[in-house]
Amino acid sequence: MKAAIIGGTGYSALELIRLINKHPHLELGPIVSSSNAGTVFSEVFPHAAGTIDNRMASFDAEKISKEAEIVFLAVPSGISKTLVPDLTAYGVRCIDLSGDLRLTSPDAYEKWYGHTPAGEEIIGQAVYGLSEIYSDYIKNSRIIANPGCYPTASLLGLLPIIKSGLADLQSIIIDAKSGVSGAGRGVSLGTHFSEVNENIKAYKLGSHQHIPEIEQILSKEAGKPVLVTFTAHLVPMTRGILATLYVNLTESILLEEVRNLYREYYSSHPFVRVRPEGNVPATKEVAGSNFCDIGLYLDERTNRLTIVSAIDNLMKGAAGQAIQNANLMNGWDVRAGLEDISFYP
């Protein structure tokens, strides 16, 4: 099956191209880049020379529909909302890695993203692509809103305890740290080497666009409104997210019971690994892979559960999950093209 990439020179697009190149059922089709149309991909990225020598093109929905059956949109938020309707009009299936279709409320999107929202018809057709949770819906969808990186790590860590009914829904705190690739390839002072190196900083306190996405899914799964305290941090590494999640429990329970609850919840999902007692994941242990590793600690003094969730932001947090969703949409083995272990160290 031919797959097109729109936004072909970003970090998520690079990961998509790498994954598609080795996928047993996908073949790389058009690479669309508004800034590099007419340029050979390997001239921009010499590491791909001799393997990916496609000439990049400008966006043309009709042309793309003749050359690809599925399209991955790896573009900044505010762009894909105008492209997806054109592509679906030609019968092309879309997996959108931007935030344009994740929020079901147009007002919330406008407030948190600062853009005019997508049309309600397109929003209504989009399925939220958290692969482990909504696989049955993803299988029958033609438009996927691929989750954000912070929400993927946070939701996979929180949902088992939320669904158990044991969580105090008013106590959720998310302390998350991301590598610099999460900010994309655009040049900015905040990601300048001398600003990031030997430094760690919190950013977008109370205003991060992933807050409503996390709250939307937690509220849906809890059956009642859920608000969270979420703080994102930028750390001096290239890739990875470590989310440390804190939840007060409403009943006394043993840690092993909590661990069994998590293992049962993810028993049929090969990309979520629940660590044994005393074993907490680190970002290097999932780098380059599609795994989400989860460690658990229960403080008996406070009856507070600490959940540590680690992912590669460019893989499980973006391109890897997008490929996982494509596998689900096509009825392929969910692990197809994604069976790499982490590169370490």
C-alpha atoms as a PDB file:
ATOM      1  CA  MET A   1       0.000   0.000   0.000  1.00  0.00           C
ATOM      2  CA  LYS A   2       1.373   3.411  -0.978  1.00  0.00           C
ATOM      3  CA  ALA A   3       1.644   5.970   1.830  1.00  0.00           C
ATOM      4  CA  ALA A   4       2.170   9.701   1.369  1.00  0.00           C
ATOM      5  CA  ILE A   5       3.849  12.038   3.857  1.00  0.00           C
ATOM      6  CA  ILE A   6       2.795  15.677   4.113  1.00  0.00           C
ATOM      7  CA  GLY A   7       5.250  17.904   5.938  1.00  0.00           C
ATOM      8  CA  GLY A   8       8.122  15.746   4.810  1.00  0.00           C
ATOM      9  CA  THR A   9      11.080  17.493   6.443  1.00  0.00           C
ATOM     10  CA  GLY A  10      10.044  17.521  10.114  1.00  0.00           C
ATOM     11  CA  TYR A  11      11.325  15.102  12.734  1.00  0.00           C
ATOM     12  CA  SER A  12       8.082  13.103  12.897  1.00  0.00           C
ATOM     13  CA  ALA A  13       8.057  12.863   9.103  1.00  0.00           C
ATOM     14  CA  LEU A  14      11.628  11.569   9.119  1.00  0.00           C
ATOM     15  CA  GLU A  15      10.623   8.826  11.552  1.00  0.00           C
ATOM     16  CA  LEU A  16       7.577   7.977   9.434  1.00  0.00           C
ATOM     17  CA  ILE A  17       9.727   7.670   6.327  1.00  0.00           C
ATOM     18  CA  ARG A  18      12.200   5.424   8.168  1.00  0.00           C
ATOM     19  CA  LEU A  19       9.381   3.200   9.447  1.00  0.00           C
ATOM     20  CA  ILE A  20       7.549   3.002   6.130  1.00  0.00           C
ATOM     21  CA  ASN A  21      10.790   2.095   4.360  1.00  0.00           C
ATOM     22  CA  LYS A  22      11.050  -1.115   6.396  1.00  0.00           C
ATOM     23  CA  HIS A  23       7.342  -1.857   6.764  1.00  0.00           C
ATOM     24  CA  PRO A  24       6.192  -5.181   5.268  1.00  0.00           C
ATOM     25  CA  HIS A  25       2.916  -3.758   3.894  1.00  0.00           C
ATOM     26  CA  LEU A  26       3.636  -0.080   3.198  1.00  0.00           C
ATOM     27  CA  GLU A  27       5.582   1.576   0.408  1.00  0.00           C
ATOM     28  CA  LEU A  28       6.647   5.196   0.415  1.00  0.00           C
ATOM     29  CA  GLY A  29       4.680   7.337  -2.009  1.00  0.00           C
ATOM     30  CA  PRO A  30       4.715  11.132  -2.412  1.00  0.00           C
ATOM     31  CA  ILE A  31       6.639  13.287   0.054  1.00  0.00           C
ATOM     32  CA  VAL A  32       5.020  16.711   0.226  1.00  0.00           C
ATOM     33  CA  SER A  33       6.978  19.702   1.485  1.00  0.00           C
ATOM     34  CA  SER A  34       5.876  23.261   0.786  1.00  0.00           C
ATOM     35  CA  SER A  35       9.333  24.617   1.596  1.00  0.00           C
ATOM     36  CA  ASN A  36      11.304  22.030  -0.406  1.00  0.00           C
ATOM     37  CA  ALA A  37       9.047  21.190  -3.354  1.00  0.00           C
ATOM     38  CA  GLY A  38      11.116  20.062  -6.339  1.00  0.00           C
ATOM     39  CA  THR A  39      14.099  19.081  -4.187  1.00  0.00           C
ATOM     40  CA  VAL A  40      15.306  15.497  -3.860  1.00  0.00           C
ATOM     41  CA  PHE A  41      14.771  14.275  -0.300  1.00  0.00           C
ATOM     42  CA  SER A  42      18.310  12.928   0.074  1.00  0.00           C
ATOM     43  CA  GLU A  43      19.741  16.324  -0.895  1.00  0.00           C
ATOM     44  CA  VAL A  44      18.118  17.782   2.208  1.00  0.00           C
ATOM     45  CA  PHE A  45      18.885  14.703   4.328  1.00  0.00           C
ATOM     46  CA  PRO A  46      22.116  13.080   3.081  1.00  0.00           C
ATOM     47  CA  HIS A  47      21.769  10.210   5.564  1.00  0.00           C
ATOM     48  CA  ALA A  48      19.003   8.858   3.290  1.00  0.00           C
ATOM     49  CA  ALA A  49      21.056   8.936   0.076  1.00  0.00           C
ATOM     50  CA  GLY A  50      20.668   5.815  -2.027  1.00  0.00           C
ATOM     51  CA  THR A  51      17.570   4.776  -0.073  1.00  0.00           C
ATOM     52  CA  ILE A  52      15.114   7.689  -0.181  1.00  0.00           C
ATOM     53  CA  ASP A  53      15.778   9.692  -3.337  1.00  0.00           C
ATOM     54  CA  ASN A  54      12.185  10.797  -3.953  1.00  0.00           C
ATOM     55  CA  ARG A  55      11.676  14.292  -5.312  1.00  0.00           C
ATOM     56  CA  MET A  56       9.461  16.242  -2.928  1.00  0.00           C
ATOM     57  CA  ALA A  57       6.322  17.887  -4.260  1.00  0.00           C
ATOM     58  CA  SER A  58       3.838  20.607  -3.391  1.00  0.00           C
ATOM     59  CA  PHE A  59       0.378  19.731  -2.092  1.00  0.00           C
ATOM     60  CA  ASP A  60      -2.123  18.524  -4.692  1.00  0.00           C
ATOM     61  CA  ALA A  61      -4.937  16.447  -3.195  1.00  0.00           C
ATOM     62  CA  GLU A  62      -6.055  14.916  -6.483  1.00  0.00           C
ATOM     63  CA  LYS A  63      -2.517  13.921  -7.470  1.00  0.00           C
ATOM     64  CA  ILE A  64      -1.845  12.465  -4.019  1.00  0.00           C
ATOM     65  CA  SER A  65      -5.054  10.418  -4.199  1.00  0.00           C
ATOM     66  CA  LYS A  66      -3.808   8.791  -7.411  1.00  0.00           C
ATOM     67  CA  GLU A  67      -0.445   7.897  -5.889  1.00  0.00           C
ATOM     68  CA  ALA A  68      -1.327   6.915  -2.307  1.00  0.00           C
ATOM     69  CA  GLU A  69      -4.110   5.200  -0.373  1.00  0.00           C
ATOM     70  CA  ILE A  70      -3.179   6.538   3.047  1.00  0.00           C
ATOM     71  CA  VAL A  71      -1.684   9.890   4.033  1.00  0.00           C
ATOM     72  CA  PHE A  72       0.249  10.863   7.144  1.00  0.00           C
ATOM     73  CA  LEU A  73       0.048  14.570   7.910  1.00  0.00           C
ATOM     74  CA  ALA A  74       3.147  15.609   9.883  1.00  0.00           C
ATOM     75  CA  VAL A  75       2.508  19.341   9.757  1.00  0.00           C
ATOM     76  CA  PRO A  76       2.201  22.033  12.432  1.00  0.00           C
ATOM     77  CA  SER A  77      -1.196  22.597  14.000  1.00  0.00           C
ATOM     78  CA  GLY A  78      -3.409  24.943  12.018  1.00  0.00           C
ATOM     79  CA  ILE A  79      -2.566  23.424   8.634  1.00  0.00           C
ATOM     80  CA  SER A  80      -3.968  19.901   8.420  1.00  0.00           C
ATOM     81  CA  LYS A  81      -7.532  21.062   9.178  1.00  0.00           C
ATOM     82  CA  THR A  82      -7.584  22.607   5.670  1.00  0.00           C
ATOM     83  CA  LEU A  83      -5.897  19.636   3.959  1.00  0.00           C
ATOM     84  CA  VAL A  84      -7.800  16.682   5.418  1.00  0.00           C
ATOM     85  CA  PRO A  85     -11.186  17.638   3.861  1.00  0.00           C
ATOM     86  CA  ASP A  86      -9.567  17.882   0.411  1.00  0.00           C
ATOM     87  CA  LEU A  87      -7.895  14.488   0.800  1.00  0.00           C
ATOM     88  CA  THR A  88     -10.940  12.657   2.164  1.00  0.00           C
ATOM     89  CA  ALA A  89     -13.037  14.066  -0.686  1.00  0.00           C
ATOM     90  CA  TYR A  90     -10.886  11.883  -2.962  1.00  0.00           C
ATOM     91  CA  GLY A  91     -11.323   8.848  -0.710  1.00  0.00           C
ATOM     92  CA  VAL A  92      -7.882   8.989   0.880  1.00  0.00           C
ATOM     93  CA  ARG A  93      -7.524   7.866   4.501  1.00  0.00           C
ATOM     94  CA  CYS A  94      -5.718  10.312   6.770  1.00  0.00           C
ATOM     95  CA  ILE A  95      -3.676  10.049   9.948  1.00  0.00           C
ATOM     96  CA  ASP A  96      -3.117  13.537  11.316  1.00  0.00           C
ATOM     97  CA  LEU A  97      -0.133  13.973  13.651  1.00  0.00           C
ATOM     98  CA  SER A  98      -0.973  17.602  14.416  1.00  0.00           C
ATOM     99  CA  GLY A  99      -3.414  18.745  17.081  1.00  0.00           C
ATOM    100  CA  ASP A 100      -6.095  19.972  14.674  1.00  0.00           C
ATOM    101  CA  LEU A 101      -8.555  17.094  15.114  1.00  0.00           C
ATOM    102  CA  ARG A 102      -7.879  15.890  18.661  1.00  0.00           C
ATOM    103  CA  LEU A 103     -10.256  18.156  20.562  1.00  0.00           C
ATOM    104  CA  THR A 104     -13.966  17.519  20.093  1.00  0.00           C
ATOM    105  CA  SER A 105     -14.860  21.073  21.151  1.00  0.00           C
ATOM    106  CA  PRO A 106     -14.137  23.740  18.498  1.00  0.00           C
ATOM    107  CA  ASP A 107     -14.192  26.402  21.232  1.00  0.00           C
ATOM    108  CA  ALA A 108     -11.553  24.529  23.237  1.00  0.00           C
ATOM    109  CA  TYR A 109      -9.342  24.221  20.165  1.00  0.00           C
ATOM    110  CA  GLU A 110      -9.586  27.932  19.450  1.00  0.00           C
ATOM    111  CA  LYS A 111      -8.812  28.780  23.090  1.00  0.00           C
ATOM    112  CA  TRP A 112      -5.830  26.461  23.570  1.00  0.00           C
ATOM    113  CA  TYR A 113      -4.316  26.459  20.060  1.00  0.00           C
ATOM    114  CA  GLY A 114      -5.161  30.002  19.001  1.00  0.00           C
ATOM    115  CA  HIS A 115      -6.371  28.947  15.538  1.00  0.00           C
ATOM    116  CA  THR A 116      -9.746  28.791  13.866  1.00  0.00           C
ATOM    117  CA  PRO A 117     -10.997  25.213  14.410  1.00  0.00           C
ATOM    118  CA  ALA A 118     -11.641  22.600  11.756  1.00  0.00           C
ATOM    119  CA  GLY A 119     -15.171  22.097  10.494  1.00  0.00           C
ATOM    120  CA  GLU A 120     -17.426  20.165  12.839  1.00  0.00           C
ATOM    121  CA  GLU A 121     -18.076  17.503  10.176  1.00  0.00           C
ATOM    122  CA  ILE A 122     -14.379  16.618   9.966  1.00  0.00           C
ATOM    123  CA  ILE A 123     -13.968  16.748  13.750  1.00  0.00           C
ATOM    124  CA  GLY A 124     -16.953  14.427  14.073  1.00  0.00           C
ATOM    125  CA  GLN A 125     -15.411  11.889  11.696  1.00  0.00           C
ATOM    126  CA  ALA A 126     -12.005  11.831  13.382  1.00  0.00           C
ATOM    127  CA  VAL A 127     -11.212   9.036  15.838  1.00  0.00           C
ATOM    128  CA  TYR A 128      -8.745   9.736  18.616  1.00  0.00           C
ATOM    129  CA  GLY A 129      -5.882   7.374  17.842  1.00  0.00           C
ATOM    130  CA  LEU A 130      -4.675   6.208  21.235  1.00  0.00           C
ATOM    131  CA  SER A 131      -3.986   2.755  19.863  1.00  0.00           C
ATOM    132  CA  GLU A 132      -4.299   0.663  23.027  1.00  0.00           C
ATOM    133  CA  ILE A 133      -7.556   2.269  24.161  1.00  0.00           C
ATOM    134  CA  TYR A 134      -9.558   2.906  20.994  1.00  0.00           C
ATOM    135  CA  SER A 135      -8.386   0.122  18.690  1.00  0.00           C
ATOM    136  CA  ASP A 136     -11.936  -1.012  17.846  1.00  0.00           C
ATOM    137  CA  TYR A 137     -12.844   2.488  16.631  1.00  0.00           C
ATOM    138  CA  ILE A 138      -9.550   2.985  14.821  1.00  0.00           C
ATOM    139  CA  LYS A 139     -10.091  -0.196  12.793  1.00  0.00           C
ATOM    140  CA  ASN A 140     -13.198   1.292  11.182  1.00  0.00           C
ATOM    141  CA  SER A 141     -12.077   4.889  10.777  1.00  0.00           C
ATOM    142  CA  ARG A 142     -10.916   6.868   7.764  1.00  0.00           C
ATOM    143  CA  ILE A 143      -9.583   9.830   9.759  1.00  0.00           C
ATOM    144  CA  ILE A 144      -7.307   9.417  12.776  1.00  0.00           C
ATOM    145  CA  ALA A 145      -6.304  12.195  15.163  1.00  0.00           C
ATOM    146  CA  ASN A 146      -2.939  10.883  16.314  1.00  0.00           C
ATOM    147  CA  PRO A 147      -2.450  11.774  20.006  1.00  0.00           C
ATOM    148  CA  GLY A 148       0.118  14.225  21.276  1.00  0.00           C
ATOM    149  CA  CYS A 149       3.341  12.977  22.838  1.00  0.00           C
ATOM    150  CA  TYR A 150       2.683  14.189  26.388  1.00  0.00           C
ATOM    151  CA  PRO A 151      -0.921  12.873  26.323  1.00  0.00           C
ATOM    152  CA  THR A 152       0.229   9.448  25.109  1.00  0.00           C
ATOM    153  CA  ALA A 153       2.661   9.024  27.993  1.00  0.00           C
ATOM    154  CA  SER A 154       0.238  10.502  30.521  1.00  0.00           C
ATOM    155  CA  LEU A 155      -2.924   8.701  29.443  1.00  0.00           C
ATOM    156  CA  LEU A 156      -1.325   5.266  29.136  1.00  0.00           C
ATOM    157  CA  GLY A 157       0.030   5.724  32.632  1.00  0.00           C
ATOM    158  CA  LEU A 158      -3.219   6.992  34.150  1.00  0.00           C
ATOM    159  CA  LEU A 159      -6.072   5.147  32.462  1.00  0.00           C
ATOM    160  CA  PRO A 160      -5.817   1.772  34.229  1.00  0.00           C
ATOM    161  CA  ILE A 161      -6.101   3.357  37.680  1.00  0.00           C
ATOM    162  CA  ILE A 162      -8.777   5.801  36.478  1.00  0.00           C
ATOM    163  CA  LYS A 163     -10.875   2.973  35.037  1.00  0.00           C
ATOM    164  CA  SER A 164     -10.496   0.953  38.249  1.00  0.00           C
ATOM    165  CA  GLY A 165     -12.468   3.530  40.232  1.00  0.00           C
ATOM    166  CA  LEU A 166      -9.691   3.690  42.849  1.00  0.00           C
ATOM    167  CA  ALA A 167      -8.361   7.131  41.884  1.00  0.00           C
ATOM    168  CA  ASP A 168      -9.240  10.425  43.524  1.00  0.00           C
ATOM    169  CA  LEU A 169      -9.984  12.313  40.316  1.00  0.00           C
ATOM    170  CA  GLN A 170      -9.284  15.693  41.920  1.00  0.00           C
ATOM    171  CA  SER A 171      -5.700  14.800  42.851  1.00  0.00           C
ATOM    172  CA  ILE A 172      -4.005  14.112  39.514  1.00  0.00           C
ATOM    173  CA  ILE A 173      -0.639  15.790  38.980  1.00  0.00           C
ATOM    174  CA  ILE A 174       1.442  15.257  35.842  1.00  0.00           C
ATOM    175  CA  ASP A 175       5.121  16.236  35.881  1.00  0.00           C
ATOM    176  CA  ALA A 176       6.479  15.574  32.386  1.00  0.00           C
ATOM    177  CA  LYS A 177       9.868  16.120  30.788  1.00  0.00           C
ATOM    178  CA  SER A 178      10.644  16.072  27.075  1.00  0.00           C
ATOM    179  CA  GLY A 179      13.672  16.088  24.830  1.00  0.00           C
ATOM    180  CA  VAL A 180      14.265  18.983  22.460  1.00  0.00           C
ATOM    181  CA  SER A 181      13.044  17.170  19.332  1.00  0.00           C
ATOM    182  CA  GLY A 182       9.519  17.604  20.724  1.00  0.00           C
ATOM    183  CA  ALA A 183       9.753  21.270  19.726  1.00  0.00           C
ATOM    184  CA  GLY A 184      10.317  20.347  16.070  1.00  0.00           C
ATOM    185  CA  ARG A 185      13.022  21.501  13.644  1.00  0.00           C
ATOM    186  CA  GLY A 186      12.082  25.165  13.665  1.00  0.00           C
ATOM    187  CA  VAL A 187      14.767  27.503  14.941  1.00  0.00           C
ATOM    188  CA  SER A 188      13.962  29.364  18.166  1.00  0.00           C
ATOM    189  CA  LEU A 189      15.780  30.861  21.120  1.00  0.00           C
ATOM    190  CA  GLY A 190      14.177  28.331  23.464  1.00  0.00           C
ATOM    191  CA  THR A 191      15.820  25.393  21.690  1.00  0.00           C
ATOM    192  CA  HIS A 192      19.175  27.056  21.005  1.00  0.00           C
ATOM    193  CA  PHE A 193      22.027  24.793  22.195  1.00  0.00           C
ATOM    194  CA  SER A 194      23.413  27.299  24.671  1.00  0.00           C
ATOM    195  CA  GLU A 195      19.930  27.790  26.164  1.00  0.00           C
ATOM    196  CA  VAL A 196      19.138  24.083  26.524  1.00  0.00           C
ATOM    197  CA  ASN A 197      22.517  22.547  27.365  1.00  0.00           C
ATOM    198  CA  GLU A 198      23.107  21.953  31.097  1.00  0.00           C
ATOM    199  CA  ASN A 199      19.667  23.362  31.789  1.00  0.00           C
ATOM    200  CA  ILE A 200      16.129  22.273  32.594  1.00  0.00           C
ATOM    201  CA  LYS A 201      13.121  24.534  32.549  1.00  0.00           C
ATOM    202  CA  ALA A 202       9.368  24.364  32.934  1.00  0.00           C
ATOM    203  CA  TYR A 203       7.307  26.006  30.228  1.00  0.00           C
ATOM    204  CA  LYS A 204       3.716  26.892  29.304  1.00  0.00           C
ATOM    205  CA  LEU A 205       2.525  26.546  32.887  1.00  0.00           C
ATOM    206  CA  GLY A 206      -1.255  26.242  32.833  1.00  0.00           C
ATOM    207  CA  SER A 207      -1.426  26.982  29.115  1.00  0.00           C
ATOM    208  CA  HIS A 208       0.025  23.925  27.362  1.00  0.00           C
ATOM    209  CA  GLN A 209      -2.191  22.789  24.480  1.00  0.00           C
ATOM    210  CA  HIS A 210      -2.007  19.170  25.632  1.00  0.00           C
ATOM    211  CA  ILE A 211      -3.896  19.919  28.866  1.00  0.00           C
ATOM    212  CA  PRO A 212      -7.401  19.856  27.303  1.00  0.00           C
ATOM    213  CA  GLU A 213      -6.497  16.738  25.316  1.00  0.00           C
ATOM    214  CA  ILE A 214      -5.541  14.849  28.480  1.00  0.00           C
ATOM    215  CA  GLU A 215      -8.589  16.107  30.360  1.00  0.00           C
ATOM    216  CA  GLN A 216     -10.931  15.273  27.477  1.00  0.00           C
ATOM    217  CA  ILE A 217      -9.909  11.604  27.406  1.00  0.00           C
ATOM    218  CA  LEU A 218      -9.708  11.179  31.182  1.00  0.00           C
ATOM    219  CA  SER A 219     -13.171  12.720  31.548  1.00  0.00           C
ATOM    220  CA  LYS A 220     -14.575  10.481  28.837  1.00  0.00           C
ATOM    221  CA  GLU A 221     -13.147   7.337  30.405  1.00  0.00           C
ATOM    222  CA  ALA A 222     -14.046   8.327  33.973  1.00  0.00           C
ATOM    223  CA  GLY A 223     -17.583   9.297  33.012  1.00  0.00           C
ATOM    224  CA  LYS A 224     -17.258  12.629  34.819  1.00  0.00           C
ATOM    225  CA  PRO A 225     -15.223  15.841  34.473  1.00  0.00           C
ATOM    226  CA  VAL A 226     -11.532  15.466  35.319  1.00  0.00           C
ATOM    227  CA  LEU A 227      -9.080  18.332  35.704  1.00  0.00           C
ATOM    228  CA  VAL A 228      -5.331  17.826  36.031  1.00  0.00           C
ATOM    229  CA  THR A 229      -2.311  19.844  37.070  1.00  0.00           C
ATOM    230  CA  PHE A 230       0.144  19.463  34.190  1.00  0.00           C
ATOM    231  CA  THR A 231       3.659  20.865  33.988  1.00  0.00           C
ATOM    232  CA  ALA A 232       5.936  20.305  31.004  1.00  0.00           C
ATOM    233  CA  HIS A 233       9.711  20.605  31.201  1.00  0.00           C
ATOM    234  CA  LEU A 234      12.371  20.836  28.505  1.00  0.00           C
ATOM    235  CA  VAL A 235      15.504  18.808  29.248  1.00  0.00           C
ATOM    236  CA  PRO A 236      18.833  18.667  27.358  1.00  0.00           C
ATOM    237  CA  MET A 237      18.375  15.434  25.436  1.00  0.00           C
ATOM    238  CA  THR A 238      17.348  14.805  21.858  1.00  0.00           C
ATOM    239  CA  ARG A 239      14.368  12.487  22.279  1.00  0.00           C
ATOM    240  CA  GLY A 240      12.207  10.944  24.952  1.00  0.00           C
ATOM    241  CA  ILE A 241       9.457  11.783  27.438  1.00  0.00           C
ATOM    242  CA  LEU A 242       9.370  10.837  31.091  1.00  0.00           C
ATOM    243  CA  ALA A 243       6.010  11.531  32.719  1.00  0.00           C
ATOM    244  CA  THR A 244       5.789  11.168  36.490  1.00  0.00           C
ATOM    245  CA  LEU A 245       2.134  10.951  37.482  1.00  0.00           C
ATOM    246  CA  TYR A 246       0.722  11.311  40.994  1.00  0.00           C
ATOM    247  CA  VAL A 247      -2.730  10.070  42.020  1.00  0.00           C
ATOM    248  CA  ASN A 248      -4.261   9.769  45.492  1.00  0.00           C
ATOM    249  CA  LEU A 249      -6.149   6.514  45.993  1.00  0.00           C
ATOM    250  CA  THR A 250      -9.575   6.292  47.627  1.00  0.00           C
ATOM    251  CA  GLU A 251      -8.994   2.843  49.138  1.00  0.00           C
ATOM    252  CA  SER A 252      -6.083   0.968  50.675  1.00  0.00           C
ATOM    253  CA  ILE A 253      -4.612  -1.520  48.227  1.00  0.00           C
ATOM    254  CA  LEU A 254      -1.351  -3.416  47.866  1.00  0.00           C
ATOM    255  CA  LEU A 255       1.158  -2.369  45.215  1.00  0.00           C
ATOM    256  CA  GLU A 256       1.133  -5.853  43.712  1.00  0.00           C
ATOM    257  CA  GLU A 257      -2.637  -5.569  43.261  1.00  0.00           C
ATOM    258  CA  VAL A 258      -2.144  -2.303  41.394  1.00  0.00           C
ATOM    259  CA  ARG A 259       0.565  -3.882  39.234  1.00  0.00           C
ATOM    260  CA  ASN A 260      -1.716  -6.819  38.412  1.00  0.00           C
ATOM    261  CA  LEU A 261      -4.446  -4.359  37.502  1.00  0.00           C
ATOM    262  CA  TYR A 262      -2.088  -2.648  35.028  1.00  0.00           C
ATOM    263  CA  ARG A 263      -0.818  -5.923  33.605  1.00  0.00           C
ATOM    264  CA  GLU A 264      -4.355  -7.142  33.031  1.00  0.00           C
ATOM    265  CA  TYR A 265      -5.380  -3.844  31.431  1.00  0.00           C
ATOM    266  CA  TYR A 266      -2.541  -4.053  28.910  1.00  0.00           C
ATOM    267  CA  SER A 267      -2.356  -7.838  28.594  1.00  0.00           C
ATOM    268  CA  SER A 268      -3.261  -7.823  24.896  1.00  0.00           C
ATOM    269  CA  HIS A 269      -1.205  -4.748  23.992  1.00  0.00           C
ATOM    270  CA  PRO A 270       2.417  -5.611  23.153  1.00  0.00           C
ATOM    271  CA  PHE A 271       3.750  -2.041  23.171  1.00  0.00           C
ATOM    272  CA  VAL A 272       2.964  -1.311  26.828  1.00  0.00           C
ATOM    273  CA  ARG A 273       5.336  -2.952  29.294  1.00  0.00           C
ATOM    274  CA  VAL A 274       4.591  -2.838  33.028  1.00  0.00           C
ATOM    275  CA  ARG A 275       7.812  -3.054  35.012  1.00  0.00           C
ATOM    276  CA  PRO A 276       8.286  -5.323  38.059  1.00  0.00           C
ATOM    277  CA  GLU A 277       8.470  -3.875  41.569  1.00  0.00           C
ATOM    278  CA  GLY A 278      11.414  -1.571  42.168  1.00  0.00           C
ATOM    279  CA  ASN A 279      12.054  -1.187  38.441  1.00  0.00           C
ATOM    280  CA  VAL A 280      11.407   2.303  37.059  1.00  0.00           C
ATOM    281  CA  PRO A 281      11.779   3.078  33.322  1.00  0.00           C
ATOM    282  CA  ALA A 282      14.159   5.596  31.817  1.00  0.00           C
ATOM    283  CA  THR A 283      13.941   7.313  28.441  1.00  0.00           C
ATOM    284  CA  LYS A 284      17.032   5.561  27.017  1.00  0.00           C
ATOM    285  CA  GLU A 285      15.292   2.236  27.583  1.00  0.00           C
ATOM    286  CA  VAL A 286      12.559   3.089  25.046  1.00  0.00           C
ATOM    287  CA  ALA A 287      14.499   5.351  22.637  1.00  0.00           C
ATOM    288  CA  GLY A 288      13.905   4.435  19.006  1.00  0.00           C
ATOM    289  CA  SER A 289      11.136   1.999  19.929  1.00  0.00           C
ATOM    290  CA  ASN A 290       7.351   2.084  20.013  1.00  0.00           C
ATOM    291  CA  PHE A 291       7.188   0.946  23.639  1.00  0.00           C
ATOM    292  CA  CYS A 292       5.621   2.726  26.563  1.00  0.00           C
ATOM    293  CA  ASP A 293       7.216   1.441  29.755  1.00  0.00           C
ATOM    294  CA  ILE A 294       5.406   1.958  33.057  1.00  0.00           C
ATOM    295  CA  GLY A 295       6.794   1.755  36.582  1.00  0.00           C
ATOM    296  CA  LEU A 296       4.663   1.902  39.732  1.00  0.00           C
ATOM    297  CA  TYR A 297       5.249   2.926  43.334  1.00  0.00           C
ATOM    298  CA  LEU A 298       2.655   3.097  46.104  1.00  0.00           C
ATOM    299  CA  ASP A 299       3.432   5.227  49.146  1.00  0.00           C
ATOM    300  CA  GLU A 300       1.622   3.519  52.009  1.00  0.00           C
ATOM    301  CA  ARG A 301       2.019   6.583  54.262  1.00  0.00           C
ATOM    302  CA  THR A 302       0.055   8.862  51.942  1.00  0.00           C
ATOM    303  CA  ASN A 303      -1.862   6.246  49.928  1.00  0.00           C
ATOM    304  CA  ARG A 304      -0.576   8.023  46.836  1.00  0.00           C
ATOM    305  CA  LEU A 305       0.304   6.131  43.656  1.00  0.00           C
ATOM    306  CA  THR A 306       3.283   7.316  41.638  1.00  0.00           C
ATOM    307  CA  ILE A 307       3.324   6.185  38.008  1.00  0.00           C
ATOM    308  CA  VAL A 308       6.395   6.663  35.838  1.00  0.00           C
ATOM    309  CA  SER A 309       5.701   6.452  32.099  1.00  0.00           C
ATOM    310  CA  ALA A 310       8.492   6.567  29.505  1.00  0.00           C
ATOM    311  CA  ILE A 311       8.163   6.863  25.730  1.00  0.00           C
ATOM    312  CA  ASP A 312      10.151   8.067  22.740  1.00  0.00           C
ATOM    313  CA  ASN A 313       8.295  11.253  21.770  1.00  0.00           C
ATOM    314  CA  LEU A 314       9.045  10.743  18.067  1.00  0.00           C
ATOM    315  CA  MET A 315       7.964   7.088  18.103  1.00  0.00           C
ATOM    316  CA  LYS A 316       5.171   6.102  20.489  1.00  0.00           C
ATOM    317  CA  GLY A 317       4.506   9.837  20.861  1.00  0.00           C
ATOM    318  CA  ALA A 318       4.186  10.461  17.115  1.00  0.00           C
ATOM    319  CA  ALA A 319       5.355   8.376  14.124  1.00  0.00           C
ATOM    320  CA  GLY A 320       5.393   4.943  15.780  1.00  0.00           C
ATOM    321  CA  GLN A 321       1.842   5.330  17.040  1.00  0.00           C
ATOM    322  CA  ALA A 322       0.779   6.627  13.613  1.00  0.00           C
ATOM    323  CA  ILE A 323       2.125   3.445  12.005  1.00  0.00           C
ATOM    324  CA  GLN A 324       0.454   1.387  14.747  1.00  0.00           C
ATOM    325  CA  ASN A 325      -2.822   3.101  13.822  1.00  0.00           C
ATOM    326  CA  ALA A 326      -2.252   2.382  10.133  1.00  0.00           C
ATOM    327  CA  ASN A 327      -1.753  -1.277  11.029  1.00  0.00           C
ATOM    328  CA  LEU A 328      -5.062  -1.294  12.923  1.00  0.00           C
ATOM    329  CA  MET A 329      -6.902   0.483  10.086  1.00  0.00           C
ATOM    330  CA  ASN A 330      -5.775  -2.161   7.623  1.00  0.00           C
ATOM    331  CA  GLY A 331      -6.208  -5.268   9.769  1.00  0.00           C
ATOM    332  CA  TRP A 332      -2.473  -5.986   9.858  1.00  0.00           C
ATOM    333  CA  ASP A 333      -0.528  -7.280  12.844  1.00  0.00           C
ATOM    334  CA  VAL A 334      -0.298  -4.273  15.164  1.00  0.00           C
ATOM    335  CA  ARG A 335       3.459  -4.910  15.483  1.00  0.00           C
ATOM    336  CA  ALA A 336       4.149  -4.755  11.732  1.00  0.00           C
ATOM    337  CA  GLY A 337       7.173  -2.559  11.066  1.00  0.00           C
ATOM    338  CA  LEU A 338       7.490  -1.681  14.751  1.00  0.00           C
ATOM    339  CA  GLU A 339       9.274  -4.607  16.365  1.00  0.00           C
ATOM    340  CA  ASP A 340      12.583  -2.837  16.960  1.00  0.00           C
ATOM    341  CA  ILE A 341      13.966  -2.845  20.471  1.00  0.00           C
ATOM    342  CA  SER A 342      15.401   0.381  21.813  1.00  0.00           C
ATOM    343  CA  PHE A 343      18.820   1.550  20.662  1.00  0.00           C
ATOM    344  CA  TYR A 344      20.969   1.691  23.781  1.00  0.00           C
ATOM    345  CA  PRO A 345      22.896   3.519  25.146  1.00  0.00           C
END
